[in-house]
Amino acid sequence: NNFDKDGDGVLSAEEIAAVTELNIDACGISDLTGI
């Protein structure tokens, strides 16, 4: 929802490089594998 800007199900190198902040407070996440 937040980083796949073109909606293709793949994070491109540009989309990955643009991620400088993750704000996932109180979301019920058990595993941050992929960070």
Full PDB file with SEQRES, HELIX, SHEET, SSBOND, CRYST1, ORIGX, SCALE, CONECT and MASTER records, all heavy atoms in Angstrom:
SEQRES   1 A   35  ASN ASN PHE ASP LYS ASP GLY ASP GLY VAL LEU SER ALA          
SEQRES   2 A   35  GLU GLU ILE ALA ALA VAL THR GLU LEU ASN ILE ASP ALA          
SEQRES   3 A   35  CYS GLY ILE SER ASP LEU THR GLY ILE                          
HELIX    1 AA1 ALA A   13  ALA A   17  1                                   5    
CRYST1    1.000    1.000    1.000  90.00  90.00  90.00 P 1           1          
ORIGX1      1.000000  0.000000  0.000000        0.00000                         
ORIGX2      0.000000  1.000000  0.000000        0.00000                         
ORIGX3      0.000000  0.000000  1.000000        0.00000                         
SCALE1      1.000000  0.000000  0.000000        0.00000                         
SCALE2      0.000000  1.000000  0.000000        0.00000                         
SCALE3      0.000000  0.000000  1.000000        0.00000                         
ATOM      1  N   ASN A   1       0.806  -1.227   0.000  1.00  0.00           N  
ATOM      2  CA  ASN A   1       0.000   0.000   0.000  1.00  0.00           C  
ATOM      3  C   ASN A   1       0.835   1.273   0.000  1.00  0.00           C  
ATOM      4  O   ASN A   1       0.396   2.296  -0.523  1.00  0.00           O  
ATOM      5  CB  ASN A   1      -0.951   0.020   1.199  1.00  0.00           C  
ATOM      6  CG  ASN A   1      -2.026  -1.029   1.090  1.00  0.00           C  
ATOM      7  OD1 ASN A   1      -2.285  -1.577   0.026  1.00  0.00           O  
ATOM      8  ND2 ASN A   1      -2.662  -1.331   2.211  1.00  0.00           N  
ATOM      9  N   ASN A   2       2.016   1.225   0.593  1.00  0.00           N  
ATOM     10  CA  ASN A   2       2.796   2.449   0.771  1.00  0.00           C  
ATOM     11  C   ASN A   2       3.974   2.613  -0.184  1.00  0.00           C  
ATOM     12  O   ASN A   2       4.397   3.754  -0.417  1.00  0.00           O  
ATOM     13  CB  ASN A   2       3.290   2.538   2.215  1.00  0.00           C  
ATOM     14  CG  ASN A   2       2.157   2.779   3.172  1.00  0.00           C  
ATOM     15  OD1 ASN A   2       1.673   3.889   3.296  1.00  0.00           O  
ATOM     16  ND2 ASN A   2       1.697   1.720   3.832  1.00  0.00           N  
ATOM     17  N   PHE A   3       4.514   1.521  -0.714  1.00  0.00           N  
ATOM     18  CA  PHE A   3       5.754   1.652  -1.472  1.00  0.00           C  
ATOM     19  C   PHE A   3       5.702   1.109  -2.895  1.00  0.00           C  
ATOM     20  O   PHE A   3       6.565   1.443  -3.709  1.00  0.00           O  
ATOM     21  CB  PHE A   3       6.906   0.987  -0.702  1.00  0.00           C  
ATOM     22  CG  PHE A   3       7.020   1.500   0.707  1.00  0.00           C  
ATOM     23  CD1 PHE A   3       6.977   0.629   1.781  1.00  0.00           C  
ATOM     24  CD2 PHE A   3       7.143   2.854   0.966  1.00  0.00           C  
ATOM     25  CE1 PHE A   3       7.064   1.103   3.078  1.00  0.00           C  
ATOM     26  CE2 PHE A   3       7.224   3.340   2.258  1.00  0.00           C  
ATOM     27  CZ  PHE A   3       7.187   2.463   3.322  1.00  0.00           C  
ATOM     28  N   ASP A   4       4.728   0.288  -3.228  1.00  0.00           N  
ATOM     29  CA  ASP A   4       4.604  -0.235  -4.585  1.00  0.00           C  
ATOM     30  C   ASP A   4       3.836   0.790  -5.414  1.00  0.00           C  
ATOM     31  O   ASP A   4       2.653   0.630  -5.704  1.00  0.00           O  
ATOM     32  CB  ASP A   4       3.894  -1.594  -4.575  1.00  0.00           C  
ATOM     33  CG  ASP A   4       3.849  -2.243  -5.943  1.00  0.00           C  
ATOM     34  OD1 ASP A   4       4.576  -1.785  -6.853  1.00  0.00           O  
ATOM     35  OD2 ASP A   4       3.082  -3.204  -6.112  1.00  0.00           O  
ATOM     36  N   LYS A   5       4.517   1.846  -5.801  1.00  0.00           N  
ATOM     37  CA  LYS A   5       3.878   3.001  -6.442  1.00  0.00           C  
ATOM     38  C   LYS A   5       3.202   2.666  -7.764  1.00  0.00           C  
ATOM     39  O   LYS A   5       2.171   3.238  -8.096  1.00  0.00           O  
ATOM     40  CB  LYS A   5       4.906   4.127  -6.653  1.00  0.00           C  
ATOM     41  CG  LYS A   5       5.532   4.630  -5.360  1.00  0.00           C  
ATOM     42  CD  LYS A   5       4.508   5.173  -4.406  1.00  0.00           C  
ATOM     43  CE  LYS A   5       5.164   5.715  -3.146  1.00  0.00           C  
ATOM     44  NZ  LYS A   5       4.228   6.052  -2.110  1.00  0.00           N  
ATOM     45  N   ASP A   6       3.764   1.734  -8.530  1.00  0.00           N  
ATOM     46  CA  ASP A   6       3.158   1.391  -9.817  1.00  0.00           C  
ATOM     47  C   ASP A   6       2.210   0.200  -9.725  1.00  0.00           C  
ATOM     48  O   ASP A   6       1.609  -0.208 -10.723  1.00  0.00           O  
ATOM     49  CB  ASP A   6       4.224   1.149 -10.886  1.00  0.00           C  
ATOM     50  CG  ASP A   6       5.217   0.059 -10.512  1.00  0.00           C  
ATOM     51  OD1 ASP A   6       5.000  -0.641  -9.500  1.00  0.00           O  
ATOM     52  OD2 ASP A   6       6.220  -0.091 -11.238  1.00  0.00           O  
ATOM     53  N   GLY A   7       2.071  -0.388  -8.530  1.00  0.00           N  
ATOM     54  CA  GLY A   7       1.104  -1.455  -8.311  1.00  0.00           C  
ATOM     55  C   GLY A   7       1.378  -2.742  -9.049  1.00  0.00           C  
ATOM     56  O   GLY A   7       0.455  -3.519  -9.301  1.00  0.00           O  
ATOM     57  N   ASP A   8       2.646  -3.008  -9.364  1.00  0.00           N  
ATOM     58  CA  ASP A   8       2.971  -4.217 -10.126  1.00  0.00           C  
ATOM     59  C   ASP A   8       3.347  -5.416  -9.256  1.00  0.00           C  
ATOM     60  O   ASP A   8       3.694  -6.471  -9.769  1.00  0.00           O  
ATOM     61  CB  ASP A   8       4.088  -3.932 -11.140  1.00  0.00           C  
ATOM     62  CG  ASP A   8       5.421  -3.583 -10.506  1.00  0.00           C  
ATOM     63  OD1 ASP A   8       5.482  -3.427  -9.262  1.00  0.00           O  
ATOM     64  OD2 ASP A   8       6.413  -3.459 -11.258  1.00  0.00           O  
ATOM     65  N   GLY A   9       3.284  -5.269  -7.925  1.00  0.00           N  
ATOM     66  CA  GLY A   9       3.611  -6.374  -7.030  1.00  0.00           C  
ATOM     67  C   GLY A   9       5.093  -6.594  -6.848  1.00  0.00           C  
ATOM     68  O   GLY A   9       5.515  -7.574  -6.236  1.00  0.00           O  
ATOM     69  N   VAL A  10       5.896  -5.664  -7.362  1.00  0.00           N  
ATOM     70  CA  VAL A  10       7.354  -5.743  -7.263  1.00  0.00           C  
ATOM     71  C   VAL A  10       7.875  -4.385  -6.835  1.00  0.00           C  
ATOM     72  O   VAL A  10       7.442  -3.349  -7.351  1.00  0.00           O  
ATOM     73  CB  VAL A  10       7.976  -6.132  -8.631  1.00  0.00           C  
ATOM     74  CG1 VAL A  10       9.490  -6.085  -8.567  1.00  0.00           C  
ATOM     75  CG2 VAL A  10       7.500  -7.501  -9.063  1.00  0.00           C  
ATOM     76  N   LEU A  11       8.802  -4.383  -5.883  1.00  0.00           N  
ATOM     77  CA  LEU A  11       9.477  -3.139  -5.512  1.00  0.00           C  
ATOM     78  C   LEU A  11      10.684  -2.977  -6.421  1.00  0.00           C  
ATOM     79  O   LEU A  11      11.597  -3.799  -6.408  1.00  0.00           O  
ATOM     80  CB  LEU A  11       9.934  -3.184  -4.053  1.00  0.00           C  
ATOM     81  CG  LEU A  11       8.850  -3.204  -2.993  1.00  0.00           C  
ATOM     82  CD1 LEU A  11       9.465  -3.371  -1.610  1.00  0.00           C  
ATOM     83  CD2 LEU A  11       8.009  -1.945  -3.052  1.00  0.00           C  
ATOM     84  N   SER A  12      10.680  -1.930  -7.215  1.00  0.00           N  
ATOM     85  CA  SER A  12      11.823  -1.651  -8.083  1.00  0.00           C  
ATOM     86  C   SER A  12      12.950  -1.065  -7.232  1.00  0.00           C  
ATOM     87  O   SER A  12      12.746  -0.664  -6.077  1.00  0.00           O  
ATOM     88  CB  SER A  12      11.427  -0.652  -9.166  1.00  0.00           C  
ATOM     89  OG  SER A  12      11.153   0.622  -8.581  1.00  0.00           O  
ATOM     90  N   ALA A  13      14.138  -0.979  -7.801  1.00  0.00           N  
ATOM     91  CA  ALA A  13      15.277  -0.385  -7.100  1.00  0.00           C  
ATOM     92  C   ALA A  13      14.958   1.049  -6.689  1.00  0.00           C  
ATOM     93  O   ALA A  13      15.324   1.486  -5.594  1.00  0.00           O  
ATOM     94  CB  ALA A  13      16.522  -0.433  -7.979  1.00  0.00           C  
ATOM     95  N   GLU A  14      14.247   1.777  -7.547  1.00  0.00           N  
ATOM     96  CA  GLU A  14      13.878   3.163  -7.240  1.00  0.00           C  
ATOM     97  C   GLU A  14      12.875   3.224  -6.092  1.00  0.00           C  
ATOM     98  O   GLU A  14      12.974   4.088  -5.220  1.00  0.00           O  
ATOM     99  CB  GLU A  14      13.301   3.851  -8.492  1.00  0.00           C  
ATOM    100  CG  GLU A  14      14.294   4.042  -9.607  1.00  0.00           C  
ATOM    101  CD  GLU A  14      14.550   2.785 -10.440  1.00  0.00           C  
ATOM    102  OE1 GLU A  14      13.707   1.834 -10.416  1.00  0.00           O  
ATOM    103  OE2 GLU A  14      15.603   2.725 -11.093  1.00  0.00           O  
ATOM    104  N   GLU A  15      11.890   2.325  -6.101  1.00  0.00           N  
ATOM    105  CA  GLU A  15      10.898   2.303  -5.023  1.00  0.00           C  
ATOM    106  C   GLU A  15      11.562   1.946  -3.695  1.00  0.00           C  
ATOM    107  O   GLU A  15      11.238   2.529  -2.648  1.00  0.00           O  
ATOM    108  CB  GLU A  15       9.786   1.305  -5.347  1.00  0.00           C  
ATOM    109  CG  GLU A  15       8.863   1.767  -6.466  1.00  0.00           C  
ATOM    110  CD  GLU A  15       7.911   0.694  -6.958  1.00  0.00           C  
ATOM    111  OE1 GLU A  15       8.278  -0.507  -6.955  1.00  0.00           O  
ATOM    112  OE2 GLU A  15       6.793   1.050  -7.370  1.00  0.00           O  
ATOM    113  N   ILE A  16      12.500   1.018  -3.723  1.00  0.00           N  
ATOM    114  CA  ILE A  16      13.215   0.620  -2.512  1.00  0.00           C  
ATOM    115  C   ILE A  16      14.049   1.775  -1.973  1.00  0.00           C  
ATOM    116  O   ILE A  16      14.022   2.083  -0.781  1.00  0.00           O  
ATOM    117  CB  ILE A  16      14.101  -0.617  -2.773  1.00  0.00           C  
ATOM    118  CG1 ILE A  16      13.220  -1.840  -3.025  1.00  0.00           C  
ATOM    119  CG2 ILE A  16      15.064  -0.870  -1.625  1.00  0.00           C  
ATOM    120  CD1 ILE A  16      13.969  -3.055  -3.552  1.00  0.00           C  
ATOM    121  N   ALA A  17      14.784   2.451  -2.855  1.00  0.00           N  
ATOM    122  CA  ALA A  17      15.658   3.555  -2.450  1.00  0.00           C  
ATOM    123  C   ALA A  17      14.877   4.720  -1.852  1.00  0.00           C  
ATOM    124  O   ALA A  17      15.399   5.466  -1.024  1.00  0.00           O  
ATOM    125  CB  ALA A  17      16.488   4.026  -3.634  1.00  0.00           C  
ATOM    126  N   ALA A  18      13.614   4.869  -2.247  1.00  0.00           N  
ATOM    127  CA  ALA A  18      12.789   5.971  -1.755  1.00  0.00           C  
ATOM    128  C   ALA A  18      12.292   5.751  -0.329  1.00  0.00           C  
ATOM    129  O   ALA A  18      11.821   6.693   0.316  1.00  0.00           O  
ATOM    130  CB  ALA A  18      11.605   6.181  -2.694  1.00  0.00           C  
ATOM    131  N   VAL A  19      12.403   4.542   0.196  1.00  0.00           N  
ATOM    132  CA  VAL A  19      11.898   4.242   1.542  1.00  0.00           C  
ATOM    133  C   VAL A  19      12.936   4.663   2.579  1.00  0.00           C  
ATOM    134  O   VAL A  19      13.953   4.012   2.772  1.00  0.00           O  
ATOM    135  CB  VAL A  19      11.560   2.747   1.694  1.00  0.00           C  
ATOM    136  CG1 VAL A  19      11.067   2.452   3.107  1.00  0.00           C  
ATOM    137  CG2 VAL A  19      10.530   2.317   0.671  1.00  0.00           C  
ATOM    138  N   THR A  20      12.657   5.771   3.243  1.00  0.00           N  
ATOM    139  CA  THR A  20      13.543   6.259   4.297  1.00  0.00           C  
ATOM    140  C   THR A  20      12.872   6.195   5.666  1.00  0.00           C  
ATOM    141  O   THR A  20      13.530   6.389   6.681  1.00  0.00           O  
ATOM    142  CB  THR A  20      13.976   7.713   4.019  1.00  0.00           C  
ATOM    143  OG1 THR A  20      12.811   8.541   3.919  1.00  0.00           O  
ATOM    144  CG2 THR A  20      14.794   7.801   2.732  1.00  0.00           C  
ATOM    145  N   GLU A  21      11.575   5.923   5.675  1.00  0.00           N  
ATOM    146  CA  GLU A  21      10.821   5.904   6.933  1.00  0.00           C  
ATOM    147  C   GLU A  21       9.773   4.806   6.913  1.00  0.00           C  
ATOM    148  O   GLU A  21       9.057   4.635   5.924  1.00  0.00           O  
ATOM    149  CB  GLU A  21      10.141   7.265   7.112  1.00  0.00           C  
ATOM    150  CG  GLU A  21       9.338   7.399   8.362  1.00  0.00           C  
ATOM    151  CD  GLU A  21       8.778   8.808   8.523  1.00  0.00           C  
ATOM    152  OE1 GLU A  21       9.489   9.788   8.258  1.00  0.00           O  
ATOM    153  OE2 GLU A  21       7.600   8.895   8.920  1.00  0.00           O  
ATOM    154  N   LEU A  22       9.705   4.048   7.996  1.00  0.00           N  
ATOM    155  CA  LEU A  22       8.639   3.067   8.204  1.00  0.00           C  
ATOM    156  C   LEU A  22       7.983   3.403   9.531  1.00  0.00           C  
ATOM    157  O   LEU A  22       8.636   3.404  10.573  1.00  0.00           O  
ATOM    158  CB  LEU A  22       9.187   1.644   8.270  1.00  0.00           C  
ATOM    159  CG  LEU A  22       9.624   0.977   6.980  1.00  0.00           C  
ATOM    160  CD1 LEU A  22      10.224  -0.392   7.267  1.00  0.00           C  
ATOM    161  CD2 LEU A  22       8.474   0.832   6.022  1.00  0.00           C  
ATOM    162  N   ASN A  23       6.695   3.684   9.491  1.00  0.00           N  
ATOM    163  CA  ASN A  23       5.949   4.022  10.693  1.00  0.00           C  
ATOM    164  C   ASN A  23       4.843   2.990  10.851  1.00  0.00           C  
ATOM    165  O   ASN A  23       3.744   3.164  10.347  1.00  0.00           O  
ATOM    166  CB  ASN A  23       5.389   5.437  10.576  1.00  0.00           C  
ATOM    167  CG  ASN A  23       4.904   5.966  11.900  1.00  0.00           C  
ATOM    168  OD1 ASN A  23       4.980   5.289  12.923  1.00  0.00           O  
ATOM    169  ND2 ASN A  23       4.404   7.178  11.890  1.00  0.00           N  
ATOM    170  N   ILE A  24       5.153   1.900  11.542  1.00  0.00           N  
ATOM    171  CA  ILE A  24       4.224   0.768  11.676  1.00  0.00           C  
ATOM    172  C   ILE A  24       3.926   0.495  13.149  1.00  0.00           C  
ATOM    173  O   ILE A  24       4.027  -0.604  13.629  1.00  0.00           O  
ATOM    174  CB  ILE A  24       4.779  -0.480  10.956  1.00  0.00           C  
ATOM    175  CG1 ILE A  24       6.256  -0.691  11.285  1.00  0.00           C  
ATOM    176  CG2 ILE A  24       4.590  -0.358   9.460  1.00  0.00           C  
ATOM    177  CD1 ILE A  24       6.890  -1.881  10.628  1.00  0.00           C  
ATOM    178  N   ASP A  25       3.546   1.538  13.835  1.00  0.00           N  
ATOM    179  CA  ASP A  25       3.232   1.514  15.251  1.00  0.00           C  
ATOM    180  C   ASP A  25       1.895   0.814  15.479  1.00  0.00           C  
ATOM    181  O   ASP A  25       0.896   1.147  14.849  1.00  0.00           O  
ATOM    182  CB  ASP A  25       3.164   2.964  15.739  1.00  0.00           C  
ATOM    183  CG  ASP A  25       3.049   3.096  17.237  1.00  0.00           C  
ATOM    184  OD1 ASP A  25       2.469   2.209  17.890  1.00  0.00           O  
ATOM    185  OD2 ASP A  25       3.546   4.095  17.772  1.00  0.00           O  
ATOM    186  N   ALA A  26       1.876  -0.169  16.381  1.00  0.00           N  
ATOM    187  CA  ALA A  26       0.646  -0.851  16.816  1.00  0.00           C  
ATOM    188  C   ALA A  26      -0.163  -1.426  15.652  1.00  0.00           C  
ATOM    189  O   ALA A  26      -1.359  -1.201  15.545  1.00  0.00           O  
ATOM    190  CB  ALA A  26      -0.205   0.094  17.659  1.00  0.00           C  
ATOM    191  N   CYS A  27       0.491  -2.187  14.799  1.00  0.00           N  
ATOM    192  CA  CYS A  27      -0.179  -2.781  13.635  1.00  0.00           C  
ATOM    193  C   CYS A  27      -0.435  -4.275  13.788  1.00  0.00           C  
ATOM    194  O   CYS A  27      -1.073  -4.875  12.939  1.00  0.00           O  
ATOM    195  CB  CYS A  27       0.660  -2.550  12.381  1.00  0.00           C  
ATOM    196  SG  CYS A  27       0.779  -0.822  11.900  1.00  0.00           S  
ATOM    197  N   GLY A  28       0.105  -4.903  14.834  1.00  0.00           N  
ATOM    198  CA  GLY A  28      -0.067  -6.344  15.014  1.00  0.00           C  
ATOM    199  C   GLY A  28       0.921  -7.180  14.226  1.00  0.00           C  
ATOM    200  O   GLY A  28       0.679  -8.358  13.969  1.00  0.00           O  
ATOM    201  N   ILE A  29       2.029  -6.597  13.842  1.00  0.00           N  
ATOM    202  CA  ILE A  29       3.057  -7.294  13.050  1.00  0.00           C  
ATOM    203  C   ILE A  29       3.880  -8.203  13.950  1.00  0.00           C  
ATOM    204  O   ILE A  29       4.319  -7.809  15.025  1.00  0.00           O  
ATOM    205  CB  ILE A  29       3.961  -6.283  12.320  1.00  0.00           C  
ATOM    206  CG1 ILE A  29       3.125  -5.502  11.299  1.00  0.00           C  
ATOM    207  CG2 ILE A  29       5.146  -6.962  11.655  1.00  0.00           C  
ATOM    208  CD1 ILE A  29       3.851  -4.352  10.651  1.00  0.00           C  
ATOM    209  N   SER A  30       4.096  -9.433  13.499  1.00  0.00           N  
ATOM    210  CA  SER A  30       4.893 -10.412  14.248  1.00  0.00           C  
ATOM    211  C   SER A  30       6.267 -10.639  13.646  1.00  0.00           C  
ATOM    212  O   SER A  30       7.154 -11.162  14.308  1.00  0.00           O  
ATOM    213  CB  SER A  30       4.161 -11.757  14.300  1.00  0.00           C  
ATOM    214  OG  SER A  30       2.934 -11.617  14.957  1.00  0.00           O  
ATOM    215  N   ASP A  31       6.458 -10.271  12.377  1.00  0.00           N  
ATOM    216  CA  ASP A  31       7.697 -10.582  11.668  1.00  0.00           C  
ATOM    217  C   ASP A  31       8.020  -9.460  10.688  1.00  0.00           C  
ATOM    218  O   ASP A  31       7.227  -9.180   9.792  1.00  0.00           O  
ATOM    219  CB  ASP A  31       7.523 -11.909  10.921  1.00  0.00           C  
ATOM    220  CG  ASP A  31       8.795 -12.425  10.279  1.00  0.00           C  
ATOM    221  OD1 ASP A  31       9.810 -11.707  10.278  1.00  0.00           O  
ATOM    222  OD2 ASP A  31       8.767 -13.549   9.754  1.00  0.00           O  
ATOM    223  N   LEU A  32       9.186  -8.834  10.862  1.00  0.00           N  
ATOM    224  CA  LEU A  32       9.598  -7.771   9.951  1.00  0.00           C  
ATOM    225  C   LEU A  32      10.613  -8.261   8.922  1.00  0.00           C  
ATOM    226  O   LEU A  32      11.369  -7.467   8.369  1.00  0.00           O  
ATOM    227  CB  LEU A  32      10.177  -6.584  10.735  1.00  0.00           C  
ATOM    228  CG  LEU A  32       9.149  -5.603  11.275  1.00  0.00           C  
ATOM    229  CD1 LEU A  32       9.818  -4.457  12.028  1.00  0.00           C  
ATOM    230  CD2 LEU A  32       8.269  -5.055  10.183  1.00  0.00           C  
ATOM    231  N   THR A  33      10.623  -9.557   8.646  1.00  0.00           N  
ATOM    232  CA  THR A  33      11.467 -10.060   7.565  1.00  0.00           C  
ATOM    233  C   THR A  33      11.083  -9.324   6.292  1.00  0.00           C  
ATOM    234  O   THR A  33       9.904  -9.186   5.982  1.00  0.00           O  
ATOM    235  CB  THR A  33      11.271 -11.579   7.383  1.00  0.00           C  
ATOM    236  OG1 THR A  33      11.669 -12.240   8.578  1.00  0.00           O  
ATOM    237  CG2 THR A  33      12.076 -12.103   6.199  1.00  0.00           C  
ATOM    238  N   GLY A  34      12.068  -8.858   5.577  1.00  0.00           N  
ATOM    239  CA  GLY A  34      11.865  -8.038   4.391  1.00  0.00           C  
ATOM    240  C   GLY A  34      12.367  -6.635   4.604  1.00  0.00           C  
ATOM    241  O   GLY A  34      12.671  -5.916   3.656  1.00  0.00           O  
ATOM    242  N   ILE A  35      12.504  -6.235   5.874  1.00  0.00           N  
ATOM    243  CA  ILE A  35      13.006  -4.903   6.178  1.00  0.00           C  
ATOM    244  C   ILE A  35      14.437  -4.718   5.676  1.00  0.00           C  
ATOM    245  O   ILE A  35      14.870  -3.603   5.392  1.00  0.00           O  
ATOM    246  CB  ILE A  35      12.887  -4.606   7.688  1.00  0.00           C  
ATOM    247  CG1 ILE A  35      12.986  -3.114   7.934  1.00  0.00           C  
ATOM    248  CG2 ILE A  35      13.919  -5.374   8.480  1.00  0.00           C  
ATOM    249  CD1 ILE A  35      12.629  -2.703   9.329  1.00  0.00           C  
TER     250      ILE A  35                                                      
MASTER        0    0    0    1    0    0    0    6  249    1    0    3          
END                                                                             
